[in-house]
């Protein structure tokens, strides 16, 4: 039996719009989603009608429906906000698009860490970093970086609480289970499901190479 998700191509639901983007293995893109100038790494997925632009998404990211990641800005400092300024070729045969403006947009990237959860309808502004293991609550508007394993909520998003204590967070970051092979993940599947966070770390962190520098 062949699994629905594969290591060599993303699973695209109907009506997706994919432009200048790349994908890791076992990736799923929900119906009607747009992915532009982005990379989505192994095992990550987005639900229906997500809009992702100018972003680097880590492994195992859980992106809910109707999220907006990397919304682009209009030129507020100019005489007009309108996109005839930079999408000029849509209005005049002899005009070219403003490449400098688009280059600046593309450079303002969002960085979403591994094993994150972006809640339904959340918005993450350009040039924001979402740390590994962090949770962005439904409807939140993120305007500042989110530390690893923190939960943020609200408009604008503010810290609610950490998921774990500092020691546990550091142990998880050191373990970096998201870098395990597909076979290693399968071998540990039952432990992921059944063990407490402390028991899981105790079982597996013994296999983490020690830094002897």
N, C-alpha and C. Protein backbone atom coordinates (compact mmCIF):
# COMPACT_ATOMS: atom_id res chain seq x y z
N UNK A 1 0.84 -1.19 0.00
CA UNK A 1 0.00 0.00 0.00
C UNK A 1 0.88 1.24 0.00
N UNK A 2 0.61 2.19 -0.89
CA UNK A 2 1.38 3.42 -0.98
C UNK A 2 0.76 4.50 -0.10
N UNK A 3 1.58 5.13 0.70
CA UNK A 3 1.07 6.19 1.57
C UNK A 3 0.69 7.42 0.75
N UNK A 4 -0.22 8.21 1.28
CA UNK A 4 -0.70 9.40 0.56
C UNK A 4 0.40 10.45 0.45
N UNK A 5 1.20 10.60 1.49
CA UNK A 5 2.29 11.56 1.48
C UNK A 5 3.59 10.86 1.10
N UNK A 6 4.38 11.53 0.25
CA UNK A 6 5.56 10.92 -0.33
C UNK A 6 6.80 11.79 -0.09
N UNK A 7 8.00 11.19 -0.12
CA UNK A 7 9.21 11.96 0.16
C UNK A 7 9.71 12.80 -1.01
N UNK A 8 9.13 12.59 -2.21
CA UNK A 8 9.72 13.23 -3.39
C UNK A 8 8.84 14.28 -4.04
N UNK A 9 7.62 14.52 -3.52
CA UNK A 9 6.79 15.56 -4.10
C UNK A 9 5.69 15.92 -3.10
N UNK A 10 5.26 17.19 -3.10
CA UNK A 10 4.20 17.58 -2.17
C UNK A 10 2.85 17.06 -2.62
N UNK A 11 1.96 16.88 -1.67
CA UNK A 11 0.59 16.51 -1.97
C UNK A 11 -0.22 17.79 -2.03
N UNK A 12 -0.65 18.16 -3.22
CA UNK A 12 -1.38 19.41 -3.44
C UNK A 12 -2.86 19.11 -3.60
N UNK A 13 -3.67 19.70 -2.76
CA UNK A 13 -5.10 19.60 -2.92
C UNK A 13 -5.55 20.52 -4.05
N UNK A 14 -6.80 20.40 -4.51
CA UNK A 14 -7.24 21.20 -5.66
C UNK A 14 -7.13 22.71 -5.43
N UNK A 15 -6.95 23.41 -6.55
CA UNK A 15 -7.02 24.88 -6.60
C UNK A 15 -5.89 25.59 -5.86
N UNK A 16 -4.76 24.94 -5.70
CA UNK A 16 -3.60 25.60 -5.10
C UNK A 16 -2.90 26.47 -6.14
N UNK A 17 -2.26 27.53 -5.67
CA UNK A 17 -1.47 28.40 -6.52
C UNK A 17 -0.04 28.41 -5.98
N UNK A 18 0.87 27.77 -6.69
CA UNK A 18 2.25 27.61 -6.24
C UNK A 18 3.17 28.38 -7.20
N UNK A 19 3.96 29.31 -6.67
CA UNK A 19 4.83 30.13 -7.49
C UNK A 19 6.20 30.25 -6.84
N UNK A 20 7.25 29.92 -7.58
CA UNK A 20 8.64 30.13 -7.14
C UNK A 20 8.87 29.57 -5.74
N UNK A 21 8.39 28.36 -5.48
CA UNK A 21 8.49 27.76 -4.16
C UNK A 21 9.01 26.33 -4.25
N UNK A 22 9.60 25.87 -3.15
CA UNK A 22 10.15 24.53 -3.09
C UNK A 22 9.62 23.83 -1.84
N UNK A 23 9.70 22.49 -1.86
CA UNK A 23 9.11 21.70 -0.79
C UNK A 23 10.03 20.54 -0.41
N UNK A 24 10.00 20.19 0.88
CA UNK A 24 10.66 18.99 1.34
C UNK A 24 9.76 17.78 1.13
N UNK A 25 10.09 16.69 1.83
CA UNK A 25 9.32 15.48 1.71
C UNK A 25 8.11 15.45 2.63
N UNK A 26 7.11 14.67 2.24
CA UNK A 26 5.92 14.44 3.05
C UNK A 26 5.18 15.75 3.39
N UNK A 27 5.17 16.67 2.45
CA UNK A 27 4.51 17.97 2.63
C UNK A 27 3.11 17.91 2.03
N UNK A 28 2.16 18.59 2.67
CA UNK A 28 0.78 18.65 2.18
C UNK A 28 0.31 20.11 2.16
N UNK A 29 -0.30 20.50 1.04
CA UNK A 29 -0.79 21.87 0.87
C UNK A 29 -2.31 21.81 0.67
N UNK A 30 -3.05 22.47 1.57
CA UNK A 30 -4.50 22.38 1.58
C UNK A 30 -5.17 23.09 0.42
N UNK A 31 -6.39 22.72 0.18
CA UNK A 31 -7.20 23.24 -0.93
C UNK A 31 -7.18 24.78 -0.95
N UNK A 32 -6.97 25.31 -2.16
CA UNK A 32 -7.07 26.74 -2.37
C UNK A 32 -5.95 27.57 -1.78
N UNK A 33 -4.90 26.93 -1.29
CA UNK A 33 -3.80 27.68 -0.67
C UNK A 33 -2.89 28.31 -1.72
N UNK A 34 -2.27 29.41 -1.34
CA UNK A 34 -1.28 30.05 -2.19
C UNK A 34 0.07 30.00 -1.48
N UNK A 35 1.09 29.56 -2.20
CA UNK A 35 2.45 29.54 -1.68
C UNK A 35 3.33 30.27 -2.69
N UNK A 36 3.97 31.34 -2.25
CA UNK A 36 4.74 32.20 -3.15
C UNK A 36 6.12 32.46 -2.58
N UNK A 37 7.16 32.26 -3.39
CA UNK A 37 8.54 32.59 -3.02
C UNK A 37 8.88 32.05 -1.63
N UNK A 38 8.59 30.79 -1.39
CA UNK A 38 8.77 30.20 -0.07
C UNK A 38 9.37 28.80 -0.17
N UNK A 39 9.89 28.33 0.97
CA UNK A 39 10.30 26.94 1.09
C UNK A 39 9.59 26.33 2.28
N UNK A 40 8.98 25.16 2.09
CA UNK A 40 8.30 24.45 3.16
C UNK A 40 9.00 23.11 3.33
N UNK A 41 9.54 22.89 4.51
CA UNK A 41 10.43 21.74 4.73
C UNK A 41 9.64 20.48 5.09
N UNK A 42 10.38 19.40 5.34
CA UNK A 42 9.82 18.06 5.49
C UNK A 42 8.68 18.00 6.52
N UNK A 43 7.63 17.26 6.17
CA UNK A 43 6.51 16.91 7.04
C UNK A 43 5.59 18.08 7.39
N UNK A 44 5.88 19.26 6.92
CA UNK A 44 5.02 20.40 7.23
C UNK A 44 3.79 20.39 6.33
N UNK A 45 2.74 21.03 6.81
CA UNK A 45 1.52 21.10 6.00
C UNK A 45 0.78 22.40 6.31
N UNK A 46 -0.07 22.80 5.38
CA UNK A 46 -1.03 23.86 5.66
C UNK A 46 -2.42 23.35 5.31
N UNK A 47 -3.39 23.83 6.05
CA UNK A 47 -4.78 23.47 5.81
C UNK A 47 -5.35 24.40 4.72
N UNK A 48 -6.64 24.39 4.53
CA UNK A 48 -7.30 25.08 3.42
C UNK A 48 -7.07 26.60 3.43
N UNK A 49 -6.84 27.12 2.26
CA UNK A 49 -6.81 28.56 2.00
C UNK A 49 -5.79 29.31 2.85
N UNK A 50 -4.68 28.67 3.11
CA UNK A 50 -3.55 29.39 3.69
C UNK A 50 -2.88 30.22 2.61
N UNK A 51 -2.31 31.34 3.01
CA UNK A 51 -1.62 32.24 2.08
C UNK A 51 -0.23 32.49 2.65
N UNK A 52 0.78 31.94 1.98
CA UNK A 52 2.15 31.94 2.49
C UNK A 52 3.05 32.60 1.46
N UNK A 53 3.71 33.67 1.85
CA UNK A 53 4.58 34.39 0.92
C UNK A 53 5.91 34.74 1.59
N UNK A 54 7.00 34.62 0.82
CA UNK A 54 8.32 35.06 1.27
C UNK A 54 8.66 34.46 2.64
N UNK A 55 8.51 33.14 2.75
CA UNK A 55 8.68 32.48 4.04
C UNK A 55 9.57 31.26 3.91
N UNK A 56 10.26 30.97 5.00
CA UNK A 56 10.98 29.71 5.16
C UNK A 56 10.33 28.98 6.32
N UNK A 57 9.70 27.85 6.01
CA UNK A 57 8.95 27.08 7.00
C UNK A 57 9.74 25.83 7.34
N UNK A 58 9.98 25.61 8.62
CA UNK A 58 10.76 24.46 9.05
C UNK A 58 10.00 23.15 8.92
N UNK A 59 10.54 22.13 9.55
CA UNK A 59 9.95 20.80 9.50
C UNK A 59 8.81 20.66 10.52
N UNK A 60 7.82 19.84 10.18
CA UNK A 60 6.73 19.49 11.08
C UNK A 60 5.88 20.70 11.49
N UNK A 61 5.86 21.74 10.68
CA UNK A 61 5.01 22.89 10.98
C UNK A 61 3.55 22.54 10.70
N UNK A 62 2.68 23.00 11.58
CA UNK A 62 1.23 22.76 11.48
C UNK A 62 0.56 24.11 11.24
N UNK A 63 0.18 24.37 10.00
CA UNK A 63 -0.35 25.68 9.62
C UNK A 63 -1.83 25.53 9.34
N UNK A 64 -2.66 26.18 10.13
CA UNK A 64 -4.11 26.01 10.05
C UNK A 64 -4.70 26.76 8.87
N UNK A 65 -5.99 26.57 8.67
CA UNK A 65 -6.69 27.18 7.54
C UNK A 65 -6.78 28.70 7.69
N UNK A 66 -6.82 29.36 6.53
CA UNK A 66 -7.05 30.81 6.43
C UNK A 66 -5.99 31.63 7.16
N UNK A 67 -4.80 31.09 7.29
CA UNK A 67 -3.69 31.85 7.85
C UNK A 67 -3.07 32.73 6.77
N UNK A 68 -2.39 33.79 7.21
CA UNK A 68 -1.68 34.70 6.28
C UNK A 68 -0.28 34.88 6.81
N UNK A 69 0.67 34.35 6.10
CA UNK A 69 2.07 34.40 6.52
C UNK A 69 2.85 35.26 5.52
N UNK A 70 3.47 36.32 6.03
CA UNK A 70 4.24 37.22 5.18
C UNK A 70 3.40 38.14 4.32
N UNK A 71 2.33 38.75 4.86
CA UNK A 71 1.54 39.67 4.03
C UNK A 71 2.41 40.83 3.56
N UNK A 72 2.25 41.20 2.32
CA UNK A 72 3.11 42.23 1.74
C UNK A 72 2.57 43.62 2.03
N UNK A 73 3.47 44.60 1.98
CA UNK A 73 3.12 45.98 2.25
C UNK A 73 2.92 46.76 0.96
N UNK A 74 2.22 47.88 1.08
CA UNK A 74 2.12 48.85 0.00
C UNK A 74 3.07 50.01 0.31
N UNK A 75 3.44 50.79 -0.70
CA UNK A 75 4.44 51.85 -0.52
C UNK A 75 3.84 53.07 0.20
N UNK A 76 3.80 53.03 1.50
CA UNK A 76 3.15 54.08 2.29
C UNK A 76 3.86 55.42 2.21
N UNK A 77 5.14 55.41 1.86
CA UNK A 77 5.91 56.65 1.84
C UNK A 77 5.81 57.39 0.51
N UNK A 78 5.10 56.83 -0.46
CA UNK A 78 5.00 57.45 -1.78
C UNK A 78 3.67 58.19 -1.94
N UNK A 79 3.53 58.88 -3.05
CA UNK A 79 2.33 59.68 -3.29
C UNK A 79 1.08 58.82 -3.38
N UNK A 80 1.22 57.55 -3.82
CA UNK A 80 0.08 56.63 -3.90
C UNK A 80 0.46 55.29 -3.30
N UNK A 81 -0.54 54.64 -2.71
CA UNK A 81 -0.37 53.29 -2.18
C UNK A 81 -0.58 52.23 -3.25
N UNK A 82 -1.18 52.56 -4.36
CA UNK A 82 -1.73 51.61 -5.31
C UNK A 82 -0.65 50.83 -6.06
N UNK A 83 -1.01 49.60 -6.45
CA UNK A 83 0.00 48.76 -7.09
C UNK A 83 0.23 49.09 -8.57
N UNK A 84 -0.42 50.13 -9.10
CA UNK A 84 -0.02 50.58 -10.43
C UNK A 84 1.42 51.10 -10.41
N UNK A 85 1.91 51.47 -9.23
CA UNK A 85 3.29 51.94 -9.12
C UNK A 85 4.30 50.84 -9.43
N UNK A 86 4.00 49.62 -9.01
CA UNK A 86 4.98 48.54 -9.17
C UNK A 86 4.50 47.42 -10.10
N UNK A 87 3.20 47.24 -10.28
CA UNK A 87 2.67 46.33 -11.30
C UNK A 87 2.26 47.12 -12.54
N UNK A 88 3.13 47.98 -12.95
CA UNK A 88 2.80 48.97 -13.99
C UNK A 88 2.50 48.33 -15.34
N UNK A 89 3.09 47.17 -15.62
CA UNK A 89 2.88 46.50 -16.91
C UNK A 89 1.43 46.04 -17.08
N UNK A 90 0.67 45.96 -15.99
CA UNK A 90 -0.74 45.60 -16.11
C UNK A 90 -1.59 46.77 -16.62
N UNK A 91 -1.02 47.97 -16.65
CA UNK A 91 -1.78 49.16 -17.00
C UNK A 91 -1.30 49.84 -18.27
N UNK A 92 0.01 49.68 -18.59
CA UNK A 92 0.57 50.33 -19.77
C UNK A 92 1.49 49.37 -20.51
N UNK A 93 1.33 49.30 -21.81
CA UNK A 93 2.14 48.40 -22.63
C UNK A 93 3.62 48.74 -22.57
N UNK A 94 3.93 50.01 -22.38
CA UNK A 94 5.34 50.43 -22.44
C UNK A 94 5.97 50.57 -21.05
N UNK A 95 5.29 50.11 -19.98
CA UNK A 95 5.82 50.22 -18.62
C UNK A 95 6.26 48.85 -18.11
N UNK A 96 7.31 48.85 -17.33
CA UNK A 96 7.81 47.63 -16.71
C UNK A 96 7.48 47.63 -15.22
N UNK A 97 7.50 46.47 -14.63
CA UNK A 97 7.25 46.40 -13.19
C UNK A 97 8.47 46.93 -12.43
N UNK A 98 8.25 47.38 -11.22
CA UNK A 98 9.31 47.96 -10.39
C UNK A 98 10.06 46.82 -9.69
N UNK A 99 11.14 46.36 -10.31
CA UNK A 99 11.88 45.21 -9.79
C UNK A 99 12.50 45.51 -8.42
N UNK A 100 12.94 46.73 -8.22
CA UNK A 100 13.54 47.09 -6.93
C UNK A 100 12.53 46.93 -5.79
N UNK A 101 11.29 47.34 -6.06
CA UNK A 101 10.24 47.20 -5.04
C UNK A 101 9.99 45.73 -4.73
N UNK A 102 9.90 44.88 -5.76
CA UNK A 102 9.66 43.46 -5.55
C UNK A 102 10.84 42.79 -4.85
N UNK A 103 12.06 43.19 -5.19
CA UNK A 103 13.23 42.62 -4.52
C UNK A 103 13.19 42.92 -3.02
N UNK A 104 12.78 44.14 -2.68
CA UNK A 104 12.69 44.51 -1.26
C UNK A 104 11.61 43.69 -0.55
N UNK A 105 10.50 43.46 -1.22
CA UNK A 105 9.44 42.62 -0.65
C UNK A 105 9.95 41.20 -0.40
N UNK A 106 10.60 40.63 -1.39
CA UNK A 106 11.06 39.24 -1.29
C UNK A 106 12.08 39.06 -0.17
N UNK A 107 12.84 40.12 0.11
CA UNK A 107 13.90 40.03 1.12
C UNK A 107 13.34 40.05 2.55
N UNK A 108 12.12 40.47 2.72
CA UNK A 108 11.52 40.57 4.07
C UNK A 108 10.86 39.24 4.44
N UNK A 109 11.68 38.27 4.77
CA UNK A 109 11.19 36.91 4.92
C UNK A 109 10.71 36.60 6.34
N UNK A 110 9.74 35.72 6.40
CA UNK A 110 9.30 35.12 7.65
C UNK A 110 10.05 33.80 7.84
N UNK A 111 10.44 33.52 9.08
CA UNK A 111 11.15 32.27 9.40
C UNK A 111 10.35 31.53 10.46
N UNK A 112 9.76 30.41 10.08
CA UNK A 112 8.95 29.62 10.99
C UNK A 112 9.71 28.36 11.36
N UNK A 113 9.88 28.13 12.66
CA UNK A 113 10.71 27.03 13.13
C UNK A 113 10.05 25.67 13.00
N UNK A 114 10.76 24.66 13.50
CA UNK A 114 10.29 23.29 13.45
C UNK A 114 9.20 23.03 14.49
N UNK A 115 8.27 22.14 14.16
CA UNK A 115 7.24 21.67 15.09
C UNK A 115 6.43 22.82 15.68
N UNK A 116 6.08 23.78 14.85
CA UNK A 116 5.28 24.92 15.27
C UNK A 116 3.81 24.70 14.93
N UNK A 117 2.95 25.50 15.55
CA UNK A 117 1.52 25.43 15.28
C UNK A 117 1.01 26.85 15.09
N UNK A 118 0.56 27.14 13.87
CA UNK A 118 0.00 28.44 13.54
C UNK A 118 -1.52 28.29 13.48
N UNK A 119 -2.24 28.92 14.40
CA UNK A 119 -3.67 28.71 14.54
C UNK A 119 -4.50 29.33 13.44
N UNK A 120 -5.75 28.92 13.38
CA UNK A 120 -6.69 29.35 12.35
C UNK A 120 -6.78 30.88 12.25
N UNK A 121 -6.61 31.37 11.04
CA UNK A 121 -6.78 32.79 10.80
C UNK A 121 -5.68 33.69 11.34
N UNK A 122 -4.59 33.12 11.82
CA UNK A 122 -3.50 33.95 12.34
C UNK A 122 -2.78 34.67 11.21
N UNK A 123 -2.18 35.80 11.54
CA UNK A 123 -1.39 36.58 10.59
C UNK A 123 0.00 36.76 11.17
N UNK A 124 1.02 36.48 10.37
CA UNK A 124 2.41 36.67 10.78
C UNK A 124 3.04 37.67 9.84
N UNK A 125 3.45 38.80 10.38
CA UNK A 125 3.98 39.89 9.59
C UNK A 125 5.35 39.55 9.00
N UNK A 126 5.79 40.26 7.96
CA UNK A 126 7.12 40.03 7.39
C UNK A 126 8.23 40.24 8.42
N UNK A 127 9.37 39.57 8.18
CA UNK A 127 10.58 39.69 8.99
C UNK A 127 10.39 39.22 10.43
N UNK A 128 9.47 38.28 10.64
CA UNK A 128 9.22 37.71 11.95
C UNK A 128 9.81 36.30 12.01
N UNK A 129 10.37 35.94 13.16
CA UNK A 129 10.84 34.58 13.42
C UNK A 129 9.95 33.93 14.46
N UNK A 130 9.44 32.76 14.13
CA UNK A 130 8.66 31.95 15.07
C UNK A 130 9.56 30.80 15.52
N UNK A 131 9.92 30.76 16.79
CA UNK A 131 10.87 29.77 17.28
C UNK A 131 10.32 28.36 17.24
N UNK A 132 11.23 27.39 17.29
CA UNK A 132 10.85 25.98 17.30
C UNK A 132 9.83 25.71 18.41
N UNK A 133 8.82 24.90 18.09
CA UNK A 133 7.87 24.47 19.10
C UNK A 133 6.88 25.51 19.57
N UNK A 134 6.91 26.70 18.98
CA UNK A 134 6.02 27.78 19.41
C UNK A 134 4.61 27.56 18.87
N UNK A 135 3.64 28.19 19.53
CA UNK A 135 2.24 28.14 19.13
C UNK A 135 1.73 29.58 18.97
N UNK A 136 1.13 29.85 17.80
CA UNK A 136 0.46 31.12 17.55
C UNK A 136 -1.03 30.84 17.60
N UNK A 137 -1.73 31.47 18.53
CA UNK A 137 -3.15 31.18 18.73
C UNK A 137 -3.98 31.64 17.55
N UNK A 138 -5.16 31.06 17.42
CA UNK A 138 -6.09 31.43 16.36
C UNK A 138 -6.39 32.92 16.41
N UNK A 139 -6.36 33.56 15.25
CA UNK A 139 -6.70 34.97 15.14
C UNK A 139 -5.63 35.93 15.59
N UNK A 140 -4.49 35.45 16.06
CA UNK A 140 -3.43 36.34 16.51
C UNK A 140 -2.78 37.06 15.33
N UNK A 141 -2.26 38.26 15.61
CA UNK A 141 -1.49 39.01 14.62
C UNK A 141 -0.09 39.21 15.20
N UNK A 142 0.88 38.52 14.62
CA UNK A 142 2.23 38.48 15.19
C UNK A 142 3.08 39.58 14.57
N UNK A 143 3.54 40.49 15.41
CA UNK A 143 4.35 41.63 14.96
C UNK A 143 5.76 41.62 15.57
N UNK A 144 6.03 40.66 16.45
CA UNK A 144 7.36 40.53 17.06
C UNK A 144 7.75 39.05 17.07
N UNK A 145 9.04 38.79 17.14
CA UNK A 145 9.54 37.41 17.17
C UNK A 145 8.95 36.65 18.36
N UNK A 146 8.78 35.35 18.16
CA UNK A 146 8.24 34.48 19.20
C UNK A 146 9.34 33.49 19.61
N UNK A 147 9.71 33.45 20.91
CA UNK A 147 10.76 32.54 21.34
C UNK A 147 10.34 31.08 21.20
N UNK A 148 11.30 30.16 21.17
CA UNK A 148 10.97 28.74 21.10
C UNK A 148 10.04 28.30 22.23
N UNK A 149 9.05 27.50 21.89
CA UNK A 149 8.15 26.85 22.84
C UNK A 149 7.31 27.84 23.66
N UNK A 150 7.08 29.02 23.12
CA UNK A 150 6.15 29.96 23.76
C UNK A 150 4.82 29.95 23.01
N UNK A 151 3.75 30.28 23.74
CA UNK A 151 2.42 30.46 23.16
C UNK A 151 2.11 31.95 23.15
N UNK A 152 1.69 32.48 21.99
CA UNK A 152 1.32 33.88 21.89
C UNK A 152 -0.13 33.99 21.42
N UNK A 153 -0.82 35.03 21.90
CA UNK A 153 -2.22 35.23 21.56
C UNK A 153 -2.50 36.72 21.38
N UNK A 154 -3.59 37.04 20.69
CA UNK A 154 -4.10 38.39 20.68
C UNK A 154 -3.69 39.23 19.50
N UNK A 155 -4.19 40.48 19.50
CA UNK A 155 -3.93 41.46 18.44
C UNK A 155 -3.49 42.77 19.10
N UNK A 156 -2.21 43.14 18.98
CA UNK A 156 -1.13 42.31 18.45
C UNK A 156 -0.79 41.17 19.42
N UNK A 157 -0.15 40.15 18.91
CA UNK A 157 0.13 38.96 19.72
C UNK A 157 1.09 39.30 20.86
N UNK A 158 0.77 38.79 22.05
CA UNK A 158 1.62 38.94 23.22
C UNK A 158 1.83 37.56 23.85
N UNK A 159 2.92 37.38 24.60
CA UNK A 159 3.18 36.08 25.21
C UNK A 159 2.10 35.69 26.22
N UNK A 160 1.61 34.47 26.13
CA UNK A 160 0.67 33.93 27.10
C UNK A 160 1.42 33.13 28.16
N UNK A 161 2.18 32.14 27.71
CA UNK A 161 2.98 31.33 28.64
C UNK A 161 3.91 30.44 27.83
N UNK A 162 4.99 29.94 28.46
CA UNK A 162 5.82 28.92 27.80
C UNK A 162 5.15 27.57 27.89
N UNK A 163 5.43 26.72 26.92
CA UNK A 163 4.89 25.36 26.96
C UNK A 163 5.57 24.51 28.03
N UNK A 164 6.87 24.72 28.22
CA UNK A 164 7.65 23.95 29.17
C UNK A 164 8.61 24.88 29.90
N UNK A 165 9.20 24.37 30.97
CA UNK A 165 10.21 25.16 31.68
C UNK A 165 11.48 25.26 30.84
N UNK A 166 12.35 26.17 31.22
CA UNK A 166 13.55 26.46 30.42
C UNK A 166 14.42 25.24 30.22
N UNK A 167 14.56 24.42 31.26
CA UNK A 167 15.41 23.23 31.15
C UNK A 167 14.85 22.26 30.13
N UNK A 168 13.54 22.03 30.18
CA UNK A 168 12.92 21.11 29.22
C UNK A 168 13.03 21.65 27.80
N UNK A 169 12.84 22.95 27.63
CA UNK A 169 12.98 23.55 26.30
C UNK A 169 14.37 23.32 25.75
N UNK A 170 15.39 23.54 26.58
CA UNK A 170 16.75 23.34 26.10
C UNK A 170 17.02 21.88 25.76
N UNK A 171 16.47 20.97 26.54
CA UNK A 171 16.63 19.54 26.26
C UNK A 171 15.99 19.18 24.91
N UNK A 172 14.82 19.74 24.65
CA UNK A 172 14.16 19.48 23.36
C UNK A 172 14.96 20.06 22.20
N UNK A 173 15.48 21.26 22.38
CA UNK A 173 16.29 21.86 21.32
C UNK A 173 17.55 21.05 21.07
N UNK A 174 18.16 20.55 22.15
CA UNK A 174 19.36 19.72 22.00
C UNK A 174 19.03 18.39 21.32
N UNK A 175 17.87 17.83 21.65
CA UNK A 175 17.49 16.55 21.05
C UNK A 175 17.24 16.71 19.55
N UNK A 176 16.59 17.80 19.16
CA UNK A 176 16.32 18.09 17.73
C UNK A 176 15.76 16.87 17.00
N UNK A 177 14.72 16.28 17.56
CA UNK A 177 14.15 15.07 16.97
C UNK A 177 13.66 15.29 15.55
N UNK A 178 13.38 16.53 15.18
CA UNK A 178 12.91 16.83 13.82
C UNK A 178 13.94 16.54 12.75
N UNK A 179 15.17 16.30 13.18
CA UNK A 179 16.22 15.93 12.22
C UNK A 179 16.39 14.42 12.09
N UNK A 180 15.59 13.66 12.81
CA UNK A 180 15.69 12.20 12.70
C UNK A 180 15.24 11.74 11.31
N UNK A 181 15.71 10.58 10.93
CA UNK A 181 15.30 10.00 9.65
C UNK A 181 13.85 9.53 9.72
N UNK A 182 13.28 9.24 8.57
CA UNK A 182 11.92 8.73 8.49
C UNK A 182 11.79 7.42 9.27
N UNK A 183 12.79 6.57 9.16
CA UNK A 183 12.77 5.29 9.87
C UNK A 183 12.89 5.48 11.38
N UNK A 184 13.73 6.42 11.80
CA UNK A 184 13.85 6.70 13.24
C UNK A 184 12.54 7.22 13.82
N UNK A 185 11.87 8.07 13.07
CA UNK A 185 10.58 8.57 13.52
C UNK A 185 9.58 7.44 13.67
N UNK A 186 9.58 6.54 12.71
CA UNK A 186 8.66 5.39 12.78
C UNK A 186 8.96 4.53 13.99
N UNK A 187 10.23 4.31 14.28
CA UNK A 187 10.60 3.48 15.43
C UNK A 187 10.16 4.10 16.75
N UNK A 188 10.15 5.43 16.80
CA UNK A 188 9.80 6.12 18.04
C UNK A 188 8.33 6.52 18.10
N UNK A 189 7.52 6.12 17.12
CA UNK A 189 6.15 6.60 17.00
C UNK A 189 5.33 6.34 18.26
N UNK A 190 5.40 5.14 18.79
CA UNK A 190 4.60 4.80 19.97
C UNK A 190 5.04 5.63 21.17
N UNK A 191 6.35 5.87 21.28
CA UNK A 191 6.84 6.69 22.39
C UNK A 191 6.39 8.14 22.24
N UNK A 192 6.38 8.67 21.01
CA UNK A 192 5.82 10.01 20.79
C UNK A 192 4.38 10.06 21.29
N UNK A 193 3.64 9.02 21.03
CA UNK A 193 2.21 8.99 21.40
C UNK A 193 2.00 8.82 22.90
N UNK A 194 2.78 7.98 23.54
CA UNK A 194 2.46 7.50 24.88
C UNK A 194 3.27 8.12 26.02
N UNK A 195 4.53 8.48 25.76
CA UNK A 195 5.39 8.90 26.86
C UNK A 195 5.17 10.37 27.23
N UNK A 196 5.33 10.67 28.50
CA UNK A 196 5.37 12.07 28.93
C UNK A 196 6.61 12.73 28.35
N UNK A 197 6.62 14.07 28.36
CA UNK A 197 7.77 14.77 27.79
C UNK A 197 9.07 14.39 28.51
N UNK A 198 9.02 14.29 29.85
CA UNK A 198 10.23 13.92 30.59
C UNK A 198 10.68 12.51 30.27
N UNK A 199 9.73 11.58 30.20
CA UNK A 199 10.09 10.19 29.89
C UNK A 199 10.64 10.07 28.48
N UNK A 200 10.05 10.82 27.55
CA UNK A 200 10.54 10.78 26.17
C UNK A 200 11.97 11.29 26.10
N UNK A 201 12.23 12.42 26.74
CA UNK A 201 13.59 12.98 26.72
C UNK A 201 14.58 12.03 27.37
N UNK A 202 14.21 11.45 28.49
CA UNK A 202 15.12 10.53 29.18
C UNK A 202 15.46 9.33 28.30
N UNK A 203 14.48 8.87 27.54
CA UNK A 203 14.72 7.69 26.71
C UNK A 203 15.63 8.01 25.52
N UNK A 204 15.48 9.19 24.94
CA UNK A 204 16.14 9.45 23.66
C UNK A 204 17.33 10.41 23.71
N UNK A 205 17.44 11.22 24.74
CA UNK A 205 18.55 12.17 24.72
C UNK A 205 19.90 11.50 24.96
N UNK A 206 19.88 10.26 25.44
CA UNK A 206 21.15 9.53 25.60
C UNK A 206 21.82 9.26 24.25
N UNK A 207 21.04 9.35 23.16
CA UNK A 207 21.60 9.09 21.83
C UNK A 207 22.08 10.36 21.14
N UNK A 208 21.89 11.51 21.79
CA UNK A 208 22.34 12.77 21.20
C UNK A 208 23.85 12.86 21.33
N UNK A 209 24.60 13.11 20.25
CA UNK A 209 26.06 13.24 20.35
C UNK A 209 26.45 14.36 21.31
N UNK A 210 27.42 14.10 22.15
CA UNK A 210 27.88 15.08 23.12
C UNK A 210 28.88 16.04 22.47
N UNK A 211 28.80 17.30 22.86
CA UNK A 211 29.74 18.31 22.38
C UNK A 211 30.99 18.23 23.25
N UNK A 212 32.09 17.81 22.65
CA UNK A 212 33.33 17.63 23.39
C UNK A 212 34.32 18.75 23.16
N UNK A 213 33.85 19.86 22.59
CA UNK A 213 34.75 20.99 22.31
C UNK A 213 35.11 21.70 23.61
